[in-house]
Amino acid sequence: MGFVRRADMLRMQNSDQFTVHYTRAYEFLPQPFHIARDVTLPIGGYDFDNLRASLNFGKQRPVSGNVPVEQGTFYDGHKTTVGISGGRLSFSTRLSVEPSLSVNRVVLLEGAFTTTLVGSLITYTMTPRMFASALLQYNSGNNTLAADVRLRWEYQPGSELFVVFNEQRDTLASRVPALVNRAVIVKINRLFRF
């Protein structure tokens, strides 16, 4: 895939930022690609031209975050994306929530579809060296609910323990969201100084 990127940024005195990105890329599909329900892209080469403008509200505001809007070519059609990300709501010095939303409207020769990704990152800090976070997401593109819950403990400077729980559920199943996959991961590292 070839890739070209250009970016310009305007930083305002109140710490808000307005950014414009232009990207150009190329992708070759060696086999048909099922991109959405009843929409399959044929084998071939595709050029992508994308323009993204985003307004990032400064952290000093009561409500901050990034509001991007994108428009461009997408395979043999067009894609428009709007979203909200990077916002942070602090309920206390220990508890914060970072909601996000992205809506993609795709119009291709083979068909049109809209996908929505909505989620939230919830973080609870127990001590300066220990926190728990949960990333919860719903993706309408594949009709899944996903959870990624992790505990991070820095038991001594530079040495950490991570416990991670991942789960994905299918919202189209006949029962209450059916389990697709689940994993528990434990990682420990230790810093040795010589």
Protein backbone atom coordinates (compact mmCIF):
# COMPACT_ATOMS: atom_id res chain seq x y z
CA MET A 1 0.00 0.00 0.00
CA GLY A 2 1.39 3.42 -0.96
CA PHE A 3 0.78 6.27 1.45
CA VAL A 4 1.06 10.07 1.37
CA ARG A 5 0.18 12.34 4.31
CA ARG A 6 -0.01 16.10 4.74
CA ALA A 7 -1.13 17.94 7.87
CA ASP A 8 -1.68 21.56 8.91
CA MET A 9 -2.53 22.77 12.40
CA LEU A 10 -3.88 26.02 13.81
CA ARG A 11 -3.29 26.44 17.55
CA MET A 12 -5.45 29.09 19.22
CA GLN A 13 -4.62 31.20 22.29
CA ASN A 14 -7.26 29.40 24.37
CA SER A 15 -5.40 26.07 23.64
CA ASP A 16 -8.02 24.81 21.18
CA GLN A 17 -6.54 23.29 18.01
CA PHE A 18 -7.91 22.99 14.50
CA THR A 19 -6.16 20.39 12.35
CA VAL A 20 -6.54 19.41 8.70
CA HIS A 21 -5.03 16.14 7.40
CA TYR A 22 -4.94 14.94 3.83
CA THR A 23 -3.98 11.34 3.09
CA ARG A 24 -3.64 9.46 -0.15
CA ALA A 25 -3.21 5.70 -0.24
CA TYR A 26 -3.47 2.69 -2.53
CA GLU A 27 -4.58 -0.85 -1.71
CA PHE A 28 -4.78 -3.98 -3.85
CA LEU A 29 -7.34 -6.63 -2.92
CA PRO A 30 -6.00 -10.05 -4.05
CA GLN A 31 -9.35 -11.71 -3.32
CA PRO A 32 -12.96 -10.56 -2.89
CA PHE A 33 -13.45 -8.69 0.39
CA HIS A 34 -16.72 -8.97 2.32
CA ILE A 35 -16.92 -5.51 3.90
CA ALA A 36 -20.54 -5.45 5.14
CA ARG A 37 -23.73 -7.48 5.00
CA ASP A 38 -24.57 -8.07 1.32
CA VAL A 39 -21.58 -5.93 0.21
CA THR A 40 -18.49 -7.64 -1.26
CA LEU A 41 -15.71 -5.77 -3.04
CA PRO A 42 -14.13 -7.34 -6.15
CA ILE A 43 -10.46 -8.09 -6.69
CA GLY A 44 -8.55 -5.03 -7.86
CA GLY A 45 -6.56 -1.92 -7.02
CA TYR A 46 -8.13 1.01 -5.17
CA ASP A 47 -7.00 4.59 -4.60
CA PHE A 48 -7.99 6.40 -1.42
CA ASP A 49 -8.03 10.21 -1.03
CA ASN A 50 -9.14 11.40 2.40
CA LEU A 51 -9.53 14.84 3.98
CA ARG A 52 -9.93 15.03 7.76
CA ALA A 53 -10.66 18.19 9.73
CA SER A 54 -10.77 18.08 13.52
CA LEU A 55 -11.38 20.56 16.30
CA ASN A 56 -9.71 19.67 19.57
CA PHE A 57 -11.13 21.60 22.52
CA GLY A 58 -8.56 22.49 25.20
CA LYS A 59 -8.34 20.60 28.49
CA GLN A 60 -9.18 23.78 30.46
CA ARG A 61 -12.77 23.70 29.17
CA PRO A 62 -15.56 22.09 31.22
CA VAL A 63 -16.12 19.74 28.25
CA SER A 64 -13.07 18.90 26.19
CA GLY A 65 -12.41 16.44 23.40
CA ASN A 66 -11.78 15.99 19.72
CA VAL A 67 -14.49 16.37 17.04
CA PRO A 68 -13.28 14.98 13.68
CA VAL A 69 -15.07 15.02 10.31
CA GLU A 70 -13.69 13.02 7.37
CA GLN A 71 -14.66 12.80 3.71
CA GLY A 72 -12.99 10.88 0.93
CA THR A 73 -12.88 8.09 -1.58
CA PHE A 74 -13.20 4.59 -0.19
CA TYR A 75 -12.59 1.61 -2.51
CA ASP A 76 -14.95 2.28 -5.47
CA GLY A 77 -17.11 4.80 -3.61
CA HIS A 78 -17.04 7.38 -0.81
CA LYS A 79 -16.97 7.45 2.97
CA THR A 80 -18.02 10.17 5.41
CA THR A 81 -17.10 9.90 9.09
CA VAL A 82 -18.08 12.06 12.07
CA GLY A 83 -17.13 11.41 15.64
CA ILE A 84 -16.28 12.53 19.13
CA SER A 85 -13.27 11.24 21.06
CA GLY A 86 -10.72 12.20 23.66
CA GLY A 87 -13.26 13.85 25.95
CA ARG A 88 -12.87 13.26 29.65
CA LEU A 89 -15.41 13.56 32.43
CA SER A 90 -13.84 13.48 35.90
CA PHE A 91 -16.22 12.51 38.69
CA SER A 92 -13.45 12.69 41.29
CA THR A 93 -9.66 12.65 41.40
CA ARG A 94 -9.89 8.85 41.15
CA LEU A 95 -12.74 8.18 38.69
CA SER A 96 -12.96 9.36 35.08
CA VAL A 97 -14.96 8.43 31.98
CA GLU A 98 -13.87 9.02 28.36
CA PRO A 99 -16.79 8.47 25.95
CA SER A 100 -16.32 8.11 22.19
CA LEU A 101 -18.53 7.85 19.12
CA SER A 102 -17.73 7.30 15.44
CA VAL A 103 -20.31 7.06 12.64
CA ASN A 104 -19.23 5.99 9.13
CA ARG A 105 -21.51 6.38 6.11
CA VAL A 106 -20.15 4.35 3.17
CA VAL A 107 -21.58 4.44 -0.36
CA LEU A 108 -20.04 1.94 -2.81
CA LEU A 109 -21.03 0.64 -6.25
CA GLU A 110 -21.85 -2.68 -4.57
CA GLY A 111 -24.10 -1.12 -1.90
CA ALA A 112 -24.29 1.38 0.95
CA PHE A 113 -24.09 0.92 4.69
CA THR A 114 -23.58 2.83 7.93
CA THR A 115 -21.48 1.63 10.87
CA THR A 116 -21.41 3.01 14.38
CA LEU A 117 -18.75 2.47 17.02
CA VAL A 118 -19.69 3.73 20.48
CA GLY A 119 -17.64 3.21 23.58
CA SER A 120 -16.31 4.48 26.83
CA LEU A 121 -13.08 4.13 28.77
CA ILE A 122 -13.67 4.12 32.53
CA THR A 123 -10.61 4.53 34.77
CA TYR A 124 -10.41 4.18 38.54
CA THR A 125 -7.12 5.05 40.26
CA MET A 126 -6.62 3.32 43.61
CA THR A 127 -3.13 4.69 44.29
CA PRO A 128 -0.57 6.60 42.21
CA ARG A 129 0.90 3.18 41.30
CA MET A 130 -2.28 1.16 40.76
CA PHE A 131 -5.32 1.66 38.53
CA ALA A 132 -8.10 -0.33 36.88
CA SER A 133 -9.66 0.56 33.54
CA ALA A 134 -12.47 -0.83 31.41
CA LEU A 135 -12.94 -0.15 27.70
CA LEU A 136 -16.51 -1.00 26.69
CA GLN A 137 -17.51 -0.84 23.00
CA TYR A 138 -20.42 -1.61 20.69
CA ASN A 139 -19.65 -2.04 16.98
CA SER A 140 -22.65 -2.10 14.63
CA GLY A 141 -20.41 -3.23 11.74
CA ASN A 142 -20.03 -6.72 13.20
CA ASN A 143 -22.80 -6.45 15.84
CA THR A 144 -20.53 -7.05 18.81
CA LEU A 145 -20.21 -5.87 22.37
CA ALA A 146 -16.63 -5.93 23.63
CA ALA A 147 -15.05 -5.40 27.02
CA ASP A 148 -11.37 -4.99 27.84
CA VAL A 149 -10.82 -4.72 31.61
CA ARG A 150 -7.33 -4.32 32.99
CA LEU A 151 -5.56 -3.85 36.31
CA ARG A 152 -2.09 -2.29 36.33
CA TRP A 153 0.05 -2.32 39.49
CA GLU A 154 3.57 -0.91 39.59
CA TYR A 155 4.75 -3.00 42.54
CA GLN A 156 8.14 -1.26 42.52
CA PRO A 157 9.53 1.50 40.27
CA GLY A 158 9.82 0.16 36.72
CA SER A 159 8.29 -3.23 37.56
CA GLU A 160 4.62 -3.92 36.78
CA LEU A 161 1.87 -6.52 36.99
CA PHE A 162 -0.98 -6.48 34.47
CA VAL A 163 -4.14 -8.58 34.71
CA VAL A 164 -6.36 -8.25 31.60
CA PHE A 165 -9.83 -9.69 30.91
CA ASN A 166 -11.19 -9.54 27.33
CA GLU A 167 -14.64 -10.59 26.21
CA GLN A 168 -16.59 -10.23 22.97
CA ARG A 169 -20.29 -10.97 22.51
CA ASP A 170 -22.55 -11.25 19.45
CA THR A 171 -25.63 -9.02 19.74
CA LEU A 172 -27.49 -10.82 16.91
CA ALA A 173 -27.52 -14.19 18.66
CA SER A 174 -30.92 -15.63 19.56
CA ARG A 175 -30.04 -15.54 23.26
CA VAL A 176 -28.88 -12.54 25.24
CA PRO A 177 -25.56 -11.49 23.63
CA ALA A 178 -23.81 -14.80 23.00
CA LEU A 179 -20.18 -15.24 23.93
CA VAL A 180 -17.82 -15.13 20.90
CA ASN A 181 -14.50 -15.21 22.74
CA ARG A 182 -13.00 -14.61 26.17
CA ALA A 183 -9.43 -14.37 27.46
CA VAL A 184 -7.61 -13.71 30.72
CA ILE A 185 -4.01 -12.51 30.39
CA VAL A 186 -1.48 -12.02 33.17
CA LYS A 187 1.78 -10.20 32.46
CA ILE A 188 4.51 -9.36 34.91
CA ASN A 189 7.77 -7.55 34.26
CA ARG A 190 10.65 -6.80 36.54
CA LEU A 191 13.29 -4.07 36.19
CA PHE A 192 16.79 -5.20 37.11
CA ARG A 193 19.41 -2.53 37.70
CA PHE A 194 23.09 -3.43 37.46
